Amino acid sequence: MTNVASPVRPDSCGTFLIGGDLSVNRLGFGSMRLTGPGVWGEPADRDGAKAIFRKALELGINFIDTADSYGPDVSERLIAEALYPYPEGLVIATKGGLTRQGPDKWLPVGRPEYLRQCVEMSLRRLKLDTIDLYQLHRIDAKVPLEDQLGELKKMQTEGKIRHLGLSEVSVAQIQASEKIIEVVTVQNLYNLANRKAEDVLDYCESNDIGFIPWFPVANGALARPGGLLDTMASEHHASAPQLALAWLLKRSPVMLPIPGTSSLAHLVENSEASGVSLSDDEFEALKNLKR
């Protein structure tokens, strides 16, 4: 646990305006792990999964990320079962464009008629009239980008989508997309041990685009016992995942980590990362760790 005053809430790490008008606390929650093995099927404990969502709100988390491919369909249904009618200020982001063929199997499909179906079904499962943030889960290389994003833009005009984002894209793909839609968020793999998307993060920061790192606490060998991360965590009376999240939050004001878990204890632990304050020297030391 952290050495900060209790209680520690995710709103203590500041907020970000998605699209300039949706205020979210910068430490959110990712719901992918609240499904079966391989992100396939129902969770072993459905009631426990719903309790996780409710506890997240109690802790001050007001940004939940999901996708129609989680389960598939399972995560979105659980969110509605657990939280509907939704409290004011809760932002639910979902994604579409990945199909599922079994556990750990994902294939992109970006045909306009399929993406329209994705949006309509997400609206139904989440019991929403408008999705606050809809993200194209993957760009389908077999379909013209103008067709994929053009259909999503149509649905935005129709009022079914408020804001649009992208997932797992390059800077060049963001720039190409910006000729068609306003990109308000980008969700890429990024954590202390894997910073291949550094250029994407820099672009997002320069353009006030929210950056949502998935797998934010995957530290790999950096968390080995006796290493710098482990030692520094002990000095802060914190865990290695908490320190990794604190590093992300300090890295950029557009950073919106969404650590996910199926454990109430880990949910609370992750939320307390907002109370870990790294000095500039500590931040640089972790930044320079060999990965």
Protein backbone atom coordinates (compact mmCIF):
# COMPACT_ATOMS: atom_id res chain seq x y z
CA MET A 1 0.00 0.00 0.00
CA THR A 2 1.05 3.58 -0.52
CA ASN A 3 2.35 5.91 2.13
CA VAL A 4 -0.18 8.64 1.36
CA ALA A 5 -3.10 9.76 3.49
CA SER A 6 -6.20 7.58 3.25
CA PRO A 7 -8.47 7.42 1.38
CA VAL A 8 -6.67 7.66 -1.95
CA ARG A 9 -8.94 8.15 -4.94
CA PRO A 10 -8.30 8.10 -8.70
CA ASP A 11 -9.60 11.68 -8.94
CA SER A 12 -6.53 12.82 -6.99
CA CYS A 13 -4.35 12.33 -10.09
CA GLY A 14 -6.18 14.97 -12.08
CA THR A 15 -8.64 14.91 -14.95
CA PHE A 16 -8.58 14.98 -18.74
CA LEU A 17 -11.18 16.35 -21.14
CA ILE A 18 -11.88 13.75 -23.83
CA GLY A 19 -12.88 15.61 -26.95
CA GLY A 20 -12.78 18.83 -24.99
CA ASP A 21 -16.04 18.14 -23.14
CA LEU A 22 -15.95 14.75 -21.37
CA SER A 23 -14.13 15.08 -18.06
CA VAL A 24 -12.64 11.82 -16.77
CA ASN A 25 -10.36 11.05 -13.87
CA ARG A 26 -7.06 10.05 -15.45
CA LEU A 27 -6.93 6.62 -13.79
CA GLY A 28 -9.67 4.49 -15.31
CA PHE A 29 -10.62 0.82 -15.47
CA GLY A 30 -10.25 -1.70 -18.30
CA SER A 31 -12.80 -4.50 -18.36
CA MET A 32 -11.13 -7.09 -20.61
CA ARG A 33 -10.17 -9.38 -17.74
CA LEU A 34 -13.75 -9.69 -16.50
CA THR A 35 -14.48 -12.47 -18.99
CA GLY A 36 -13.48 -16.11 -19.35
CA PRO A 37 -10.00 -17.46 -20.17
CA GLY A 38 -8.64 -16.11 -23.43
CA VAL A 39 -11.14 -13.22 -23.17
CA TRP A 40 -13.72 -15.80 -24.20
CA GLY A 41 -17.03 -16.58 -22.53
CA GLU A 42 -18.43 -15.71 -19.15
CA PRO A 43 -16.27 -15.03 -16.07
CA ALA A 44 -16.13 -17.78 -13.47
CA ASP A 45 -17.88 -15.48 -10.99
CA ARG A 46 -20.43 -13.19 -12.67
CA ASP A 47 -21.60 -11.64 -9.41
CA GLY A 48 -18.00 -11.01 -8.44
CA ALA A 49 -17.35 -9.36 -11.80
CA LYS A 50 -20.31 -7.04 -11.34
CA ALA A 51 -19.05 -6.21 -7.85
CA ILE A 52 -15.76 -5.09 -9.40
CA PHE A 53 -17.55 -2.55 -11.59
CA ARG A 54 -19.54 -1.21 -8.64
CA LYS A 55 -16.42 -0.95 -6.48
CA ALA A 56 -14.60 0.92 -9.24
CA LEU A 57 -17.24 3.64 -9.11
CA GLU A 58 -17.10 3.72 -5.30
CA LEU A 59 -13.35 4.35 -5.55
CA GLY A 60 -13.89 7.38 -7.78
CA ILE A 61 -13.21 5.80 -11.18
CA ASN A 62 -15.47 7.38 -13.80
CA PHE A 63 -13.89 6.08 -17.02
CA ILE A 64 -14.53 2.45 -18.01
CA ASP A 65 -13.10 0.94 -21.19
CA THR A 66 -14.63 -2.11 -22.84
CA ALA A 67 -15.17 -3.67 -26.29
CA ASP A 68 -17.77 -5.79 -28.05
CA SER A 69 -15.08 -8.44 -28.60
CA TYR A 70 -14.52 -8.99 -24.87
CA GLY A 71 -16.36 -12.25 -24.40
CA PRO A 72 -17.56 -11.43 -27.05
CA ASP A 73 -20.44 -9.25 -25.80
CA VAL A 74 -19.91 -10.39 -22.19
CA SER A 75 -18.16 -7.30 -20.83
CA GLU A 76 -20.69 -4.84 -22.21
CA ARG A 77 -23.61 -6.82 -20.81
CA LEU A 78 -21.98 -7.06 -17.38
CA ILE A 79 -21.41 -3.30 -17.27
CA ALA A 80 -25.10 -2.65 -17.90
CA GLU A 81 -26.21 -5.30 -15.42
CA ALA A 82 -23.93 -3.88 -12.74
CA LEU A 83 -24.24 -0.14 -13.26
CA TYR A 84 -27.41 0.78 -15.18
CA PRO A 85 -28.97 3.30 -14.67
CA TYR A 86 -25.60 4.98 -14.96
CA PRO A 87 -24.56 7.73 -12.56
CA GLU A 88 -23.99 11.19 -13.94
CA GLY A 89 -20.41 11.72 -15.07
CA LEU A 90 -19.62 8.09 -15.87
CA VAL A 91 -17.93 7.73 -19.28
CA ILE A 92 -18.10 4.32 -20.94
CA ALA A 93 -15.79 3.79 -23.90
CA THR A 94 -16.24 0.78 -26.14
CA LYS A 95 -14.65 -0.58 -29.30
CA GLY A 96 -15.66 -2.48 -32.41
CA GLY A 97 -14.04 -3.96 -35.49
CA LEU A 98 -12.47 -7.15 -34.13
CA THR A 99 -14.22 -10.48 -34.62
CA ARG A 100 -13.71 -13.54 -32.45
CA GLN A 101 -13.18 -17.14 -33.55
CA GLY A 102 -12.31 -18.57 -30.14
CA PRO A 103 -10.13 -17.96 -27.07
CA ASP A 104 -7.29 -15.52 -27.82
CA LYS A 105 -8.30 -15.33 -31.49
CA TRP A 106 -9.00 -11.91 -33.02
CA LEU A 107 -9.48 -10.88 -36.65
CA PRO A 108 -10.27 -7.34 -37.85
CA VAL A 109 -13.35 -6.68 -39.96
CA GLY A 110 -13.89 -3.09 -41.04
CA ARG A 111 -16.70 -3.38 -43.55
CA PRO A 112 -19.09 -0.46 -43.05
CA GLU A 113 -22.17 -2.64 -42.60
CA TYR A 114 -20.38 -4.69 -39.95
CA LEU A 115 -19.20 -1.62 -38.04
CA ARG A 116 -22.74 -0.23 -38.08
CA GLN A 117 -23.99 -3.48 -36.61
CA CYS A 118 -21.24 -3.32 -33.97
CA VAL A 119 -22.36 0.13 -32.86
CA GLU A 120 -26.06 -0.77 -32.82
CA MET A 121 -25.46 -3.90 -30.76
CA SER A 122 -23.17 -2.09 -28.31
CA LEU A 123 -25.87 0.53 -27.81
CA ARG A 124 -28.37 -2.23 -27.07
CA ARG A 125 -26.13 -4.17 -24.68
CA LEU A 126 -24.98 -1.06 -22.81
CA LYS A 127 -28.54 0.37 -22.74
CA LEU A 128 -27.35 3.66 -24.22
CA ASP A 129 -28.74 6.09 -26.77
CA THR A 130 -25.28 7.51 -27.44
CA ILE A 131 -21.84 5.98 -26.88
CA ASP A 132 -19.57 8.59 -25.31
CA LEU A 133 -16.38 7.25 -26.90
CA TYR A 134 -16.34 4.69 -29.70
CA GLN A 135 -12.95 3.37 -30.81
CA LEU A 136 -12.12 1.46 -33.97
CA HIS A 137 -10.48 -1.57 -32.39
CA ARG A 138 -8.23 -2.23 -35.38
CA ILE A 139 -7.94 -0.72 -38.83
CA ASP A 140 -8.82 -3.38 -41.38
CA ALA A 141 -6.17 -3.31 -44.12
CA LYS A 142 -8.62 -4.97 -46.54
CA VAL A 143 -11.11 -2.10 -46.37
CA PRO A 144 -10.45 1.52 -47.39
CA LEU A 145 -9.93 3.67 -44.33
CA GLU A 146 -12.44 6.18 -45.70
CA ASP A 147 -15.12 3.48 -45.68
CA GLN A 148 -14.42 2.38 -42.11
CA LEU A 149 -14.17 5.78 -40.50
CA GLY A 150 -16.74 7.29 -42.85
CA GLU A 151 -19.40 4.91 -41.55
CA LEU A 152 -18.49 5.69 -37.94
CA LYS A 153 -18.65 9.40 -38.75
CA LYS A 154 -22.16 8.91 -40.18
CA MET A 155 -23.26 7.32 -36.93
CA GLN A 156 -21.65 10.18 -35.03
CA THR A 157 -23.73 12.60 -37.10
CA GLU A 158 -26.80 10.48 -36.35
CA GLY A 159 -26.15 10.93 -32.61
CA LYS A 160 -25.25 7.32 -31.90
CA ILE A 161 -21.61 8.22 -31.12
CA ARG A 162 -20.32 11.29 -29.31
CA HIS A 163 -16.56 10.99 -29.88
CA LEU A 164 -14.32 8.73 -31.94
CA GLY A 165 -10.95 7.14 -31.18
CA LEU A 166 -8.50 4.61 -32.61
CA SER A 167 -6.63 1.59 -31.28
CA GLU A 168 -3.18 0.19 -32.14
CA VAL A 169 -2.24 2.77 -34.75
CA SER A 170 0.86 4.58 -35.96
CA VAL A 171 1.32 8.34 -36.19
CA ALA A 172 0.82 8.10 -39.95
CA GLN A 173 -2.48 6.28 -39.44
CA ILE A 174 -3.66 8.89 -36.96
CA GLN A 175 -2.84 11.65 -39.42
CA ALA A 176 -4.65 9.84 -42.24
CA SER A 177 -7.66 9.32 -39.96
CA GLU A 178 -7.73 12.99 -38.98
CA LYS A 179 -8.57 13.83 -42.58
CA ILE A 180 -11.84 11.93 -42.07
CA ILE A 181 -12.76 12.24 -38.38
CA GLU A 182 -11.70 14.09 -35.26
CA VAL A 183 -9.54 11.62 -33.32
CA VAL A 184 -9.93 12.30 -29.59
CA THR A 185 -8.21 9.19 -28.15
CA VAL A 186 -5.66 6.58 -29.15
CA GLN A 187 -5.37 3.24 -27.34
CA ASN A 188 -2.01 1.51 -27.87
CA LEU A 189 0.11 -0.99 -26.00
CA TYR A 190 2.37 1.00 -23.69
CA ASN A 191 3.90 0.46 -20.27
CA LEU A 192 7.14 0.91 -18.38
CA ALA A 193 8.64 -2.17 -20.06
CA ASN A 194 7.25 -1.61 -23.56
CA ARG A 195 7.46 1.90 -24.99
CA LYS A 196 7.40 1.16 -28.71
CA ALA A 197 4.50 3.62 -29.04
CA GLU A 198 6.56 6.52 -27.68
CA ASP A 199 6.21 8.50 -30.92
CA VAL A 200 2.44 7.98 -30.87
CA LEU A 201 2.27 9.20 -27.27
CA ASP A 202 4.32 12.28 -28.17
CA TYR A 203 2.00 13.03 -31.08
CA CYS A 204 -1.05 12.66 -28.84
CA GLU A 205 0.43 14.97 -26.24
CA SER A 206 1.24 17.61 -28.86
CA ASN A 207 -2.32 17.46 -30.19
CA ASP A 208 -4.26 17.05 -26.92
CA ILE A 209 -5.40 13.55 -27.84
CA GLY A 210 -6.06 11.22 -24.93
CA PHE A 211 -3.59 8.31 -24.85
CA ILE A 212 -4.99 5.10 -23.33
CA PRO A 213 -2.22 2.57 -22.63
CA TRP A 214 -3.38 -1.02 -22.52
CA PHE A 215 -1.48 -3.55 -20.39
CA PRO A 216 -0.28 -0.56 -18.33
CA VAL A 217 1.27 -2.60 -15.51
CA ALA A 218 3.01 -5.31 -17.58
CA ASN A 219 6.50 -4.71 -16.18
CA GLY A 220 8.11 -8.01 -17.08
CA ALA A 221 11.68 -8.42 -15.89
CA LEU A 222 11.76 -4.83 -14.62
CA ALA A 223 9.83 -5.98 -11.54
CA ARG A 224 12.40 -8.60 -10.55
CA PRO A 225 13.13 -8.79 -6.80
CA GLY A 226 15.95 -6.48 -5.78
CA GLY A 227 15.74 -4.45 -8.98
CA LEU A 228 15.25 -0.69 -9.08
CA LEU A 229 11.49 -0.88 -9.50
CA ASP A 230 11.16 -3.30 -6.60
CA THR A 231 13.50 -1.24 -4.40
CA MET A 232 11.79 2.03 -5.22
CA ALA A 233 8.37 0.50 -4.58
CA SER A 234 9.51 -0.60 -1.12
CA GLU A 235 10.76 2.92 -0.38
CA HIS A 236 7.31 4.27 -1.24
CA HIS A 237 5.57 1.52 0.72
CA ALA A 238 3.90 0.65 -2.56
CA SER A 239 3.76 -2.25 -5.00
CA ALA A 240 5.58 -2.47 -8.33
CA PRO A 241 2.29 -2.13 -10.28
CA GLN A 242 1.43 1.00 -8.29
CA LEU A 243 4.79 2.52 -9.13
CA ALA A 244 4.39 1.60 -12.79
CA LEU A 245 1.02 3.35 -12.88
CA ALA A 246 2.42 6.38 -11.05
CA TRP A 247 5.18 6.56 -13.67
CA LEU A 248 2.63 6.52 -16.49
CA LEU A 249 0.57 9.26 -14.87
CA LYS A 250 3.65 11.43 -14.50
CA ARG A 251 4.83 10.67 -18.05
CA SER A 252 2.17 12.78 -19.78
CA PRO A 253 -0.94 14.82 -18.93
CA VAL A 254 -2.84 13.04 -21.74
CA MET A 255 -2.08 9.59 -20.28
CA LEU A 256 -5.22 7.67 -19.26
CA PRO A 257 -4.18 4.28 -17.81
CA ILE A 258 -6.93 1.66 -17.57
CA PRO A 259 -5.55 -1.16 -15.39
CA GLY A 260 -7.91 -4.12 -15.33
CA THR A 261 -8.32 -6.89 -12.80
CA SER A 262 -10.78 -9.51 -11.61
CA SER A 263 -9.68 -9.02 -7.98
CA LEU A 264 -11.24 -6.49 -5.62
CA ALA A 265 -7.98 -6.26 -3.69
CA HIS A 266 -6.00 -5.49 -6.84
CA LEU A 267 -8.62 -2.95 -7.93
CA VAL A 268 -8.17 -1.07 -4.67
CA GLU A 269 -4.39 -1.38 -4.93
CA ASN A 270 -4.38 0.00 -8.47
CA SER A 271 -6.61 2.91 -7.50
CA GLU A 272 -4.15 3.87 -4.77
CA ALA A 273 -1.44 4.39 -7.38
CA SER A 274 -2.89 7.87 -7.83
CA GLY A 275 -1.45 8.71 -4.43
CA VAL A 276 2.13 7.68 -5.26
CA SER A 277 4.22 10.74 -6.05
CA LEU A 278 7.48 10.21 -7.91
CA SER A 279 10.24 12.78 -7.84
CA ASP A 280 11.74 13.92 -11.14
CA ASP A 281 14.88 11.92 -10.37
CA GLU A 282 12.86 8.77 -9.63
CA PHE A 283 10.88 9.23 -12.82
CA GLU A 284 14.06 9.56 -14.89
CA ALA A 285 15.66 6.56 -13.18
CA LEU A 286 12.69 4.37 -14.10
CA LYS A 287 12.55 5.85 -17.59
CA ASN A 288 16.17 4.86 -18.17
CA LEU A 289 15.80 1.28 -16.96
CA LYS A 290 17.04 -1.18 -19.56
CA ARG A 291 14.10 -3.16 -20.93
